[in-house]
Amino acid sequence: MDKRRQLASETGLYTFDVFEVLLNYEIARIKRYPSPLTLMHISLATENQIPEFKKQAHETMTNLLSRALRVSDVPTHYNEDFLVLLPATDEAGGAAVAERILGNYRTTQSLATGRLSTKRNAYFGITTQNGSTILSSQQLMAEAAVAMNEARMRKSFTFVAFADISNTLPKP
């Protein structure tokens, strides 16, 4: 078993290659049978950049995702971040999932190792589509990343929905 698959089985998260297949499947499905599809992009930050603190923050989020998501939801690591595909979930449902995970993450706020501790934050960006013949996985991932970056710029412990900021973005 290669290292990526082994790590995925240890964490309970999907590998990114499996995530991509499932994302493309869900996009094809909603093009044929319109229903909502939400993608959540989660980025973590720690005040102190000690690798042990970053690792603990990622382990905490991995555990929360494993406990808080439905069996039909698809979480994965994406570089240093997380992506979560929420099939058959509208924007209100995606917001509820984000708030639930953030609330649980807040209760585990204090990381401590010996005498050291650090504050941490989670930035959530969500985007929802209801089916479109021009929808692509790249578009969905880009929208979720833009929303997550907006949450990061606000430095708030909350989520940002792409639909709420799309009117303020420059037009191409």
N, C-alpha and C. Protein backbone atom coordinates (compact mmCIF):
# COMPACT_ATOMS: atom_id res chain seq x y z
N MET A 1 0.86 -1.17 0.00
CA MET A 1 0.00 0.00 0.00
C MET A 1 0.90 1.24 0.00
N ASP A 2 0.62 2.21 -0.90
CA ASP A 2 1.48 3.38 -0.92
C ASP A 2 1.20 4.28 0.29
N LYS A 3 2.13 5.20 0.53
CA LYS A 3 2.07 6.02 1.74
C LYS A 3 0.80 6.88 1.80
N ARG A 4 0.37 7.46 0.66
CA ARG A 4 -0.84 8.30 0.67
C ARG A 4 -2.06 7.50 1.08
N ARG A 5 -2.22 6.31 0.55
CA ARG A 5 -3.37 5.48 0.89
C ARG A 5 -3.31 5.05 2.35
N GLN A 6 -2.11 4.74 2.82
CA GLN A 6 -1.95 4.34 4.22
C GLN A 6 -2.34 5.49 5.14
N LEU A 7 -1.85 6.70 4.85
CA LEU A 7 -2.20 7.85 5.68
C LEU A 7 -3.70 8.11 5.65
N ALA A 8 -4.31 7.95 4.49
CA ALA A 8 -5.75 8.18 4.39
C ALA A 8 -6.51 7.18 5.25
N SER A 9 -6.07 5.92 5.27
CA SER A 9 -6.78 4.94 6.08
C SER A 9 -6.58 5.20 7.56
N GLU A 10 -5.43 5.76 7.93
CA GLU A 10 -5.18 6.09 9.33
C GLU A 10 -6.02 7.27 9.79
N THR A 11 -6.24 8.25 8.90
CA THR A 11 -6.97 9.46 9.30
C THR A 11 -8.47 9.35 9.10
N GLY A 12 -8.91 8.44 8.25
CA GLY A 12 -10.32 8.34 7.94
C GLY A 12 -10.76 9.30 6.86
N LEU A 13 -9.82 10.06 6.29
CA LEU A 13 -10.13 10.97 5.20
C LEU A 13 -9.82 10.29 3.87
N TYR A 14 -10.51 10.73 2.83
CA TYR A 14 -10.24 10.21 1.49
C TYR A 14 -8.92 10.76 0.97
N THR A 15 -8.24 9.99 0.12
CA THR A 15 -7.08 10.53 -0.57
C THR A 15 -7.58 11.54 -1.59
N PHE A 16 -6.73 12.46 -2.01
CA PHE A 16 -7.17 13.49 -2.94
C PHE A 16 -7.55 12.92 -4.29
N ASP A 17 -6.88 11.88 -4.74
CA ASP A 17 -7.24 11.30 -6.04
C ASP A 17 -8.65 10.69 -5.99
N VAL A 18 -9.02 10.07 -4.90
CA VAL A 18 -10.38 9.53 -4.75
C VAL A 18 -11.38 10.69 -4.63
N PHE A 19 -11.01 11.73 -3.89
CA PHE A 19 -11.85 12.91 -3.76
C PHE A 19 -12.17 13.50 -5.14
N GLU A 20 -11.15 13.64 -5.99
CA GLU A 20 -11.36 14.20 -7.33
C GLU A 20 -12.35 13.37 -8.14
N VAL A 21 -12.23 12.06 -8.06
CA VAL A 21 -13.16 11.18 -8.78
C VAL A 21 -14.59 11.40 -8.27
N LEU A 22 -14.76 11.45 -6.95
CA LEU A 22 -16.09 11.63 -6.37
C LEU A 22 -16.65 13.03 -6.66
N LEU A 23 -15.79 14.04 -6.66
CA LEU A 23 -16.21 15.40 -6.99
C LEU A 23 -16.72 15.45 -8.44
N ASN A 24 -15.96 14.90 -9.35
CA ASN A 24 -16.38 14.90 -10.75
C ASN A 24 -17.67 14.09 -10.95
N TYR A 25 -17.82 13.00 -10.23
CA TYR A 25 -19.04 12.21 -10.29
C TYR A 25 -20.24 13.04 -9.83
N GLU A 26 -20.09 13.73 -8.69
CA GLU A 26 -21.20 14.53 -8.15
C GLU A 26 -21.54 15.69 -9.07
N ILE A 27 -20.54 16.28 -9.70
CA ILE A 27 -20.81 17.38 -10.64
C ILE A 27 -21.58 16.85 -11.85
N ALA A 28 -21.17 15.70 -12.37
CA ALA A 28 -21.89 15.10 -13.49
C ALA A 28 -23.33 14.75 -13.09
N ARG A 29 -23.49 14.29 -11.87
CA ARG A 29 -24.83 13.92 -11.38
C ARG A 29 -25.74 15.14 -11.29
N ILE A 30 -25.23 16.27 -10.73
CA ILE A 30 -26.11 17.43 -10.58
C ILE A 30 -26.38 18.13 -11.91
N LYS A 31 -25.51 17.91 -12.90
CA LYS A 31 -25.80 18.43 -14.24
C LYS A 31 -27.00 17.69 -14.84
N ARG A 32 -27.07 16.41 -14.57
CA ARG A 32 -28.15 15.58 -15.11
C ARG A 32 -29.42 15.69 -14.27
N TYR A 33 -29.24 15.65 -12.95
CA TYR A 33 -30.37 15.70 -12.00
C TYR A 33 -30.10 16.83 -11.01
N PRO A 34 -30.52 18.05 -11.36
CA PRO A 34 -30.18 19.21 -10.52
C PRO A 34 -30.56 19.02 -9.05
N SER A 35 -29.56 19.20 -8.21
CA SER A 35 -29.72 19.19 -6.77
C SER A 35 -28.53 19.96 -6.21
N PRO A 36 -28.63 20.45 -5.00
CA PRO A 36 -27.53 21.25 -4.47
C PRO A 36 -26.28 20.42 -4.17
N LEU A 37 -25.14 21.07 -4.28
CA LEU A 37 -23.85 20.47 -3.98
C LEU A 37 -23.00 21.56 -3.36
N THR A 38 -22.48 21.30 -2.17
CA THR A 38 -21.67 22.29 -1.47
C THR A 38 -20.25 21.77 -1.30
N LEU A 39 -19.29 22.67 -1.50
CA LEU A 39 -17.88 22.36 -1.27
C LEU A 39 -17.36 23.31 -0.20
N MET A 40 -16.70 22.75 0.79
CA MET A 40 -16.15 23.52 1.89
C MET A 40 -14.62 23.45 1.83
N HIS A 41 -13.96 24.60 1.93
CA HIS A 41 -12.50 24.68 1.97
C HIS A 41 -12.12 25.18 3.36
N ILE A 42 -11.32 24.40 4.08
CA ILE A 42 -10.95 24.73 5.45
C ILE A 42 -9.44 24.91 5.53
N SER A 43 -9.02 26.04 6.09
CA SER A 43 -7.60 26.29 6.31
C SER A 43 -7.38 26.56 7.79
N LEU A 44 -6.32 26.00 8.33
CA LEU A 44 -6.00 26.18 9.75
C LEU A 44 -4.78 27.07 9.90
N ALA A 45 -4.75 27.81 10.98
CA ALA A 45 -3.60 28.65 11.30
C ALA A 45 -3.34 28.58 12.79
N THR A 46 -2.07 28.54 13.14
CA THR A 46 -1.68 28.60 14.55
C THR A 46 -0.83 29.84 14.76
N GLU A 47 -1.00 30.45 15.91
CA GLU A 47 -0.24 31.65 16.24
C GLU A 47 1.27 31.36 16.22
N ASN A 48 1.63 30.22 16.75
CA ASN A 48 3.02 29.79 16.80
C ASN A 48 3.22 28.74 15.72
N GLN A 49 4.21 28.89 14.88
CA GLN A 49 4.41 28.02 13.73
C GLN A 49 5.22 26.76 14.04
N ILE A 50 5.29 26.38 15.31
CA ILE A 50 6.00 25.16 15.68
C ILE A 50 5.28 23.98 15.02
N PRO A 51 6.03 23.11 14.32
CA PRO A 51 5.39 21.99 13.62
C PRO A 51 4.49 21.12 14.50
N GLU A 52 4.84 20.95 15.75
CA GLU A 52 4.02 20.13 16.65
C GLU A 52 2.63 20.74 16.84
N PHE A 53 2.55 22.07 16.93
CA PHE A 53 1.26 22.74 17.08
C PHE A 53 0.43 22.60 15.81
N LYS A 54 1.08 22.77 14.65
CA LYS A 54 0.36 22.61 13.38
C LYS A 54 -0.16 21.18 13.24
N LYS A 55 0.65 20.21 13.64
CA LYS A 55 0.23 18.81 13.55
C LYS A 55 -0.96 18.55 14.46
N GLN A 56 -0.92 19.09 15.68
CA GLN A 56 -2.04 18.91 16.61
C GLN A 56 -3.31 19.55 16.07
N ALA A 57 -3.19 20.74 15.47
CA ALA A 57 -4.36 21.42 14.90
C ALA A 57 -4.97 20.57 13.78
N HIS A 58 -4.12 20.02 12.92
CA HIS A 58 -4.62 19.17 11.82
C HIS A 58 -5.25 17.88 12.36
N GLU A 59 -4.66 17.29 13.37
CA GLU A 59 -5.24 16.08 13.96
C GLU A 59 -6.59 16.37 14.58
N THR A 60 -6.71 17.52 15.25
CA THR A 60 -7.98 17.91 15.86
C THR A 60 -9.05 18.06 14.78
N MET A 61 -8.72 18.76 13.69
CA MET A 61 -9.70 18.96 12.62
C MET A 61 -10.05 17.64 11.95
N THR A 62 -9.08 16.79 11.73
CA THR A 62 -9.34 15.47 11.13
C THR A 62 -10.32 14.69 11.99
N ASN A 63 -10.10 14.68 13.30
CA ASN A 63 -11.01 13.98 14.21
C ASN A 63 -12.41 14.59 14.19
N LEU A 64 -12.49 15.91 14.16
CA LEU A 64 -13.80 16.57 14.11
C LEU A 64 -14.54 16.23 12.83
N LEU A 65 -13.83 16.25 11.71
CA LEU A 65 -14.48 15.92 10.44
C LEU A 65 -14.97 14.48 10.44
N SER A 66 -14.19 13.59 10.99
CA SER A 66 -14.58 12.18 11.04
C SER A 66 -15.86 11.98 11.86
N ARG A 67 -16.02 12.78 12.92
CA ARG A 67 -17.19 12.64 13.79
C ARG A 67 -18.39 13.45 13.33
N ALA A 68 -18.17 14.60 12.69
CA ALA A 68 -19.26 15.54 12.43
C ALA A 68 -19.93 15.38 11.08
N LEU A 69 -19.34 14.61 10.18
CA LEU A 69 -19.88 14.52 8.83
C LEU A 69 -20.74 13.28 8.62
N ARG A 70 -21.63 13.36 7.63
CA ARG A 70 -22.44 12.21 7.24
C ARG A 70 -21.56 11.23 6.48
N VAL A 71 -22.04 10.01 6.36
CA VAL A 71 -21.30 8.99 5.64
C VAL A 71 -21.20 9.35 4.15
N SER A 72 -22.13 10.12 3.62
CA SER A 72 -22.11 10.51 2.20
C SER A 72 -21.19 11.70 1.93
N ASP A 73 -20.71 12.39 2.96
CA ASP A 73 -19.81 13.52 2.78
C ASP A 73 -18.40 13.02 2.49
N VAL A 74 -17.62 13.84 1.79
CA VAL A 74 -16.31 13.40 1.31
C VAL A 74 -15.22 14.38 1.77
N PRO A 75 -14.55 14.10 2.90
CA PRO A 75 -13.46 14.97 3.35
C PRO A 75 -12.10 14.48 2.84
N THR A 76 -11.19 15.43 2.59
CA THR A 76 -9.84 15.09 2.16
C THR A 76 -8.86 16.16 2.62
N HIS A 77 -7.59 15.79 2.66
CA HIS A 77 -6.52 16.79 2.81
C HIS A 77 -6.26 17.37 1.44
N TYR A 78 -5.99 18.65 1.40
CA TYR A 78 -5.66 19.34 0.15
C TYR A 78 -4.50 20.26 0.45
N ASN A 79 -3.30 19.84 0.10
CA ASN A 79 -2.08 20.53 0.49
C ASN A 79 -2.07 20.64 2.02
N GLU A 80 -2.05 21.83 2.57
CA GLU A 80 -2.07 22.01 4.02
C GLU A 80 -3.49 22.20 4.55
N ASP A 81 -4.47 22.19 3.66
CA ASP A 81 -5.85 22.48 4.01
C ASP A 81 -6.72 21.22 3.94
N PHE A 82 -8.02 21.43 4.09
CA PHE A 82 -9.01 20.36 3.97
C PHE A 82 -10.07 20.80 2.98
N LEU A 83 -10.60 19.85 2.24
CA LEU A 83 -11.78 20.07 1.40
C LEU A 83 -12.83 19.07 1.85
N VAL A 84 -14.09 19.52 1.85
CA VAL A 84 -15.19 18.63 2.21
C VAL A 84 -16.30 18.82 1.19
N LEU A 85 -16.63 17.75 0.51
CA LEU A 85 -17.72 17.75 -0.45
C LEU A 85 -18.99 17.30 0.27
N LEU A 86 -20.04 18.11 0.15
CA LEU A 86 -21.30 17.84 0.82
C LEU A 86 -22.40 17.64 -0.23
N PRO A 87 -22.59 16.41 -0.71
CA PRO A 87 -23.64 16.16 -1.71
C PRO A 87 -25.02 16.42 -1.13
N ALA A 88 -25.94 16.83 -2.00
CA ALA A 88 -27.34 17.07 -1.62
C ALA A 88 -27.44 18.03 -0.43
N THR A 89 -26.57 19.04 -0.42
CA THR A 89 -26.55 20.02 0.67
C THR A 89 -26.60 21.42 0.08
N ASP A 90 -27.62 22.20 0.47
CA ASP A 90 -27.72 23.57 -0.01
C ASP A 90 -26.86 24.49 0.85
N GLU A 91 -26.89 25.78 0.53
CA GLU A 91 -26.02 26.73 1.25
C GLU A 91 -26.35 26.79 2.75
N ALA A 92 -27.63 26.76 3.09
CA ALA A 92 -28.01 26.77 4.51
C ALA A 92 -27.49 25.53 5.22
N GLY A 93 -27.57 24.39 4.57
CA GLY A 93 -27.04 23.15 5.14
C GLY A 93 -25.52 23.20 5.29
N GLY A 94 -24.85 23.74 4.27
CA GLY A 94 -23.39 23.90 4.34
C GLY A 94 -22.99 24.83 5.46
N ALA A 95 -23.77 25.92 5.64
CA ALA A 95 -23.50 26.86 6.73
C ALA A 95 -23.67 26.18 8.08
N ALA A 96 -24.69 25.34 8.20
CA ALA A 96 -24.93 24.62 9.46
C ALA A 96 -23.78 23.66 9.77
N VAL A 97 -23.28 22.97 8.75
CA VAL A 97 -22.15 22.06 8.95
C VAL A 97 -20.91 22.86 9.37
N ALA A 98 -20.65 23.97 8.68
CA ALA A 98 -19.49 24.80 9.01
C ALA A 98 -19.58 25.32 10.44
N GLU A 99 -20.76 25.81 10.83
CA GLU A 99 -20.93 26.32 12.20
C GLU A 99 -20.74 25.22 13.24
N ARG A 100 -21.25 24.02 12.95
CA ARG A 100 -21.10 22.91 13.89
C ARG A 100 -19.63 22.53 14.06
N ILE A 101 -18.90 22.44 12.97
CA ILE A 101 -17.48 22.07 13.04
C ILE A 101 -16.69 23.18 13.73
N LEU A 102 -16.98 24.43 13.37
CA LEU A 102 -16.29 25.56 14.02
C LEU A 102 -16.57 25.59 15.52
N GLY A 103 -17.82 25.36 15.90
CA GLY A 103 -18.16 25.34 17.33
C GLY A 103 -17.38 24.28 18.08
N ASN A 104 -17.28 23.09 17.48
CA ASN A 104 -16.50 22.02 18.10
C ASN A 104 -15.01 22.36 18.13
N TYR A 105 -14.52 23.01 17.08
CA TYR A 105 -13.11 23.38 17.02
C TYR A 105 -12.78 24.43 18.09
N ARG A 106 -13.72 25.35 18.31
CA ARG A 106 -13.53 26.38 19.35
C ARG A 106 -13.36 25.76 20.74
N THR A 107 -14.10 24.68 21.00
CA THR A 107 -14.02 24.06 22.33
C THR A 107 -12.69 23.35 22.57
N THR A 108 -11.94 23.13 21.50
CA THR A 108 -10.61 22.51 21.64
C THR A 108 -9.53 23.54 21.37
N GLN A 109 -9.82 24.81 21.65
CA GLN A 109 -8.99 25.95 21.26
C GLN A 109 -7.57 25.91 21.81
N SER A 110 -7.37 25.50 23.00
CA SER A 110 -6.06 25.63 23.62
C SER A 110 -5.19 24.42 23.32
N LEU A 111 -4.11 24.66 22.61
CA LEU A 111 -3.11 23.62 22.38
C LEU A 111 -1.99 23.83 23.38
N ALA A 112 -1.61 22.79 24.04
CA ALA A 112 -0.54 22.94 25.02
C ALA A 112 0.42 21.76 24.92
N THR A 113 1.69 22.08 24.97
CA THR A 113 2.74 21.07 25.00
C THR A 113 3.77 21.55 26.02
N GLY A 114 3.83 20.88 27.14
CA GLY A 114 4.75 21.34 28.18
C GLY A 114 4.32 22.71 28.66
N ARG A 115 5.24 23.68 28.57
CA ARG A 115 4.95 25.04 29.01
C ARG A 115 4.44 25.90 27.87
N LEU A 116 4.51 25.40 26.65
CA LEU A 116 4.14 26.21 25.49
C LEU A 116 2.67 26.02 25.14
N SER A 117 2.03 27.08 24.71
CA SER A 117 0.68 26.97 24.18
C SER A 117 0.56 27.99 23.05
N THR A 118 -0.44 27.82 22.22
CA THR A 118 -0.63 28.73 21.10
C THR A 118 -2.12 28.83 20.78
N LYS A 119 -2.50 29.96 20.21
CA LYS A 119 -3.87 30.12 19.75
C LYS A 119 -3.92 29.62 18.31
N ARG A 120 -5.10 29.17 17.92
CA ARG A 120 -5.27 28.70 16.56
C ARG A 120 -6.60 29.18 16.02
N ASN A 121 -6.71 29.14 14.70
CA ASN A 121 -7.93 29.58 14.06
C ASN A 121 -8.22 28.66 12.89
N ALA A 122 -9.47 28.63 12.49
CA ALA A 122 -9.90 27.86 11.32
C ALA A 122 -10.67 28.81 10.42
N TYR A 123 -10.36 28.77 9.14
CA TYR A 123 -11.01 29.63 8.15
C TYR A 123 -11.78 28.73 7.19
N PHE A 124 -13.07 28.98 7.07
CA PHE A 124 -13.94 28.15 6.24
C PHE A 124 -14.48 28.98 5.09
N GLY A 125 -14.39 28.44 3.90
CA GLY A 125 -15.03 29.01 2.72
C GLY A 125 -15.96 27.96 2.15
N ILE A 126 -17.19 28.36 1.83
CA ILE A 126 -18.13 27.40 1.24
C ILE A 126 -18.70 27.97 -0.05
N THR A 127 -19.00 27.08 -0.96
CA THR A 127 -19.69 27.45 -2.19
C THR A 127 -20.70 26.36 -2.50
N THR A 128 -21.82 26.78 -3.07
CA THR A 128 -22.90 25.85 -3.38
C THR A 128 -23.34 26.06 -4.82
N GLN A 129 -23.58 24.95 -5.50
CA GLN A 129 -24.12 24.98 -6.86
C GLN A 129 -25.36 24.09 -6.90
N ASN A 130 -26.29 24.45 -7.75
CA ASN A 130 -27.52 23.67 -7.88
C ASN A 130 -27.61 22.95 -9.21
N GLY A 131 -26.54 22.88 -9.91
CA GLY A 131 -26.55 22.20 -11.20
C GLY A 131 -26.47 23.21 -12.33
N SER A 132 -25.50 23.04 -13.16
CA SER A 132 -25.31 23.90 -14.31
C SER A 132 -24.52 23.11 -15.33
N THR A 133 -24.83 23.31 -16.58
CA THR A 133 -24.11 22.55 -17.61
C THR A 133 -22.68 23.04 -17.78
N ILE A 134 -22.34 24.21 -17.23
CA ILE A 134 -20.97 24.72 -17.37
C ILE A 134 -20.14 24.56 -16.10
N LEU A 135 -20.69 23.95 -15.09
CA LEU A 135 -19.98 23.77 -13.82
C LEU A 135 -18.82 22.79 -13.99
N SER A 136 -17.68 23.13 -13.37
CA SER A 136 -16.52 22.23 -13.39
C SER A 136 -15.96 22.11 -11.98
N SER A 137 -15.17 21.08 -11.75
CA SER A 137 -14.55 20.90 -10.44
C SER A 137 -13.58 22.04 -10.15
N GLN A 138 -12.88 22.54 -11.18
CA GLN A 138 -11.94 23.65 -10.98
C GLN A 138 -12.68 24.91 -10.54
N GLN A 139 -13.85 25.16 -11.14
CA GLN A 139 -14.64 26.33 -10.76
C GLN A 139 -15.10 26.22 -9.31
N LEU A 140 -15.61 25.06 -8.95
CA LEU A 140 -16.11 24.85 -7.59
C LEU A 140 -14.99 25.01 -6.57
N MET A 141 -13.83 24.42 -6.86
CA MET A 141 -12.69 24.53 -5.94
C MET A 141 -12.19 25.96 -5.86
N ALA A 142 -12.17 26.68 -6.98
CA ALA A 142 -11.72 28.07 -6.98
C ALA A 142 -12.66 28.95 -6.16
N GLU A 143 -13.97 28.75 -6.30
CA GLU A 143 -14.93 29.54 -5.53
C GLU A 143 -14.78 29.28 -4.03
N ALA A 144 -14.60 28.04 -3.64
CA ALA A 144 -14.42 27.71 -2.22
C ALA A 144 -13.12 28.33 -1.70
N ALA A 145 -12.08 28.32 -2.51
CA ALA A 145 -10.79 28.91 -2.10
C ALA A 145 -10.90 30.42 -1.94
N VAL A 146 -11.62 31.08 -2.85
CA VAL A 146 -11.82 32.53 -2.74
C VAL A 146 -12.57 32.86 -1.45
N ALA A 147 -13.60 32.10 -1.15
CA ALA A 147 -14.37 32.33 0.08
C ALA A 147 -13.51 32.08 1.31
N MET A 148 -12.69 31.01 1.29
CA MET A 148 -11.81 30.74 2.43
C MET A 148 -10.79 31.86 2.60
N ASN A 149 -10.23 32.35 1.50
CA ASN A 149 -9.26 33.45 1.58
C ASN A 149 -9.90 34.72 2.13
N GLU A 150 -11.16 34.95 1.80
CA GLU A 150 -11.88 36.10 2.37
C GLU A 150 -12.03 35.93 3.89
N ALA A 151 -12.36 34.72 4.32
CA ALA A 151 -12.45 34.46 5.77
C ALA A 151 -11.10 34.69 6.43
N ARG A 152 -10.02 34.28 5.78
CA ARG A 152 -8.67 34.48 6.32
C ARG A 152 -8.34 35.97 6.40
N MET A 153 -8.71 36.73 5.37
CA MET A 153 -8.44 38.18 5.40
C MET A 153 -9.21 38.86 6.52
N ARG A 154 -10.41 38.40 6.79
CA ARG A 154 -11.22 38.98 7.87
C ARG A 154 -10.70 38.58 9.25
N LYS A 155 -9.84 37.55 9.28
CA LYS A 155 -9.28 37.03 10.53
C LYS A 155 -10.37 36.68 11.53
N SER A 156 -11.49 36.22 11.01
CA SER A 156 -12.60 35.89 11.88
C SER A 156 -12.71 34.39 12.05
N PHE A 157 -13.28 34.01 13.16
CA PHE A 157 -13.48 32.60 13.48
C PHE A 157 -14.88 32.24 13.00
N THR A 158 -15.07 32.31 11.69
CA THR A 158 -16.36 32.05 11.09
C THR A 158 -16.16 31.53 9.68
N PHE A 159 -17.24 31.37 8.94
CA PHE A 159 -17.14 30.93 7.56
C PHE A 159 -17.59 32.06 6.65
N VAL A 160 -17.18 31.99 5.39
CA VAL A 160 -17.63 32.93 4.38
C VAL A 160 -18.20 32.11 3.23
N ALA A 161 -19.38 32.49 2.78
CA ALA A 161 -20.01 31.83 1.64
C ALA A 161 -19.68 32.61 0.38
N PHE A 162 -19.30 31.90 -0.66
CA PHE A 162 -18.95 32.54 -1.93
C PHE A 162 -20.09 33.40 -2.45
N ALA A 163 -21.31 32.95 -2.29
CA ALA A 163 -22.47 33.71 -2.77
C ALA A 163 -22.56 35.09 -2.11
N ASP A 164 -22.08 35.21 -0.89
CA ASP A 164 -22.15 36.48 -0.18
C ASP A 164 -21.10 37.49 -0.66
N ILE A 165 -20.03 37.01 -1.28
CA ILE A 165 -18.96 37.92 -1.72
C ILE A 165 -18.84 38.01 -3.23
N SER A 166 -19.54 37.16 -3.97
CA SER A 166 -19.35 37.11 -5.44
C SER A 166 -19.68 38.43 -6.12
N ASN A 167 -20.61 39.21 -5.60
CA ASN A 167 -20.96 40.49 -6.21
C ASN A 167 -19.89 41.55 -6.00
N THR A 168 -19.02 41.36 -5.01
CA THR A 168 -17.99 42.34 -4.73
C THR A 168 -16.68 42.04 -5.46
N LEU A 169 -16.59 40.89 -6.11
CA LEU A 169 -15.37 40.51 -6.82
C LEU A 169 -15.29 41.20 -8.16
N PRO A 170 -14.06 41.53 -8.60
CA PRO A 170 -13.91 42.15 -9.93
C PRO A 170 -14.35 41.19 -11.04
N LYS A 171 -14.98 41.71 -12.05
CA LYS A 171 -15.43 40.88 -13.18
C LYS A 171 -14.26 40.70 -14.16
N PRO A 172 -14.13 39.48 -14.73
CA PRO A 172 -13.03 39.22 -15.67
C PRO A 172 -13.22 39.94 -16.99
